[in-house]
Amino acid sequence: MATEQEVEFLGLTKKGVPRKRKPKTKNNYFTPETEEAILKYRKCENQADKNKIYNAEIHNSFYKLAENIIHTFKFYYTEVDNIEDLKYEVISFLLQKLHLYDQSKGKAFSYFGTIAKRYLIIYNQKNYKKLVSKIQVEEIDNQNETHESLVLNPDEHTVDRLDVIEIFIKHVDDNLMDLFDKDDEVKAADAILEIFKKRENIDIFNKKALFIYVKEIANVQSNTITKVVKKLKTIYLTILQDQIENHDHDIYI
């Protein structure tokens, strides 16, 4: 429960959480002026004045920072009802750390961006584990064909697999709207492409876990993912065959 002083803070509701008002859009949302406002906020001892500084000069920057980090790194495993609620959870965490910022140790943007990412990494890992534990075994087993298809099996030919994958990613990325004519198929294909693009940074190697990951990120039905994966595999194999036919030397896996 928020204290009486906290309730008076214009940036908080009576429950002690940030007010859900959408800030004005700015192209350059975290400026030197934002950093100066944070320093001014830290030095200020009057709560009413701190409220004014936060609402007028800091809130928008925190909101946009949370929004950009969530969508850039796709931190979509959440216990709250929607991404908008998750943004305000991040803002609440940043508010708790405002008094710790030390300008001598770096820019405010880097400091708050780093702690926001750390918070979201831990938050998402926790919720991903909960998600996996709740998935019904029967549902996973019914998707065996899809799970197998998510990871492209090695071909008998010797091929530079990395080059082929890069060509595949670019081709699908450039032609996504033409290859898939339904919104849910586009979402599923885009989620699968993200796995390929970030494959070096993803520590999930289990096929079933990858399927769950795609399903949750894209928010589509299982049969849609099955359909998209089959089409993507056909595209990949076509590109692979083209590479084999157009090279007169061995290309290695």
Foldseek 3Di string as FASTA:
>chain_A
DDDPLQCPQPQQHVVNFGDLDQDDDDPPQCDVQLQVLLVVLLPDDDRNVNSVSCVPRHVNSLLVLLVCLCVVVVLQLDPDDDVSVVSRVLVSVVVVCSNVDDVVVHGPSVVSSVVSNVVSVVRSVVSLVVVVVPDDPVVLVVCVVLLVLLDQDDDPAFAQVVVLLVVLLVVCVVCVCVLDVDLLLSLLLVLSSVCSVCVVVDPDDRSSSSLSSSCSSSVDDSVSNSVSSVSSNVSSVVSVVVVVVPDPDGHHD
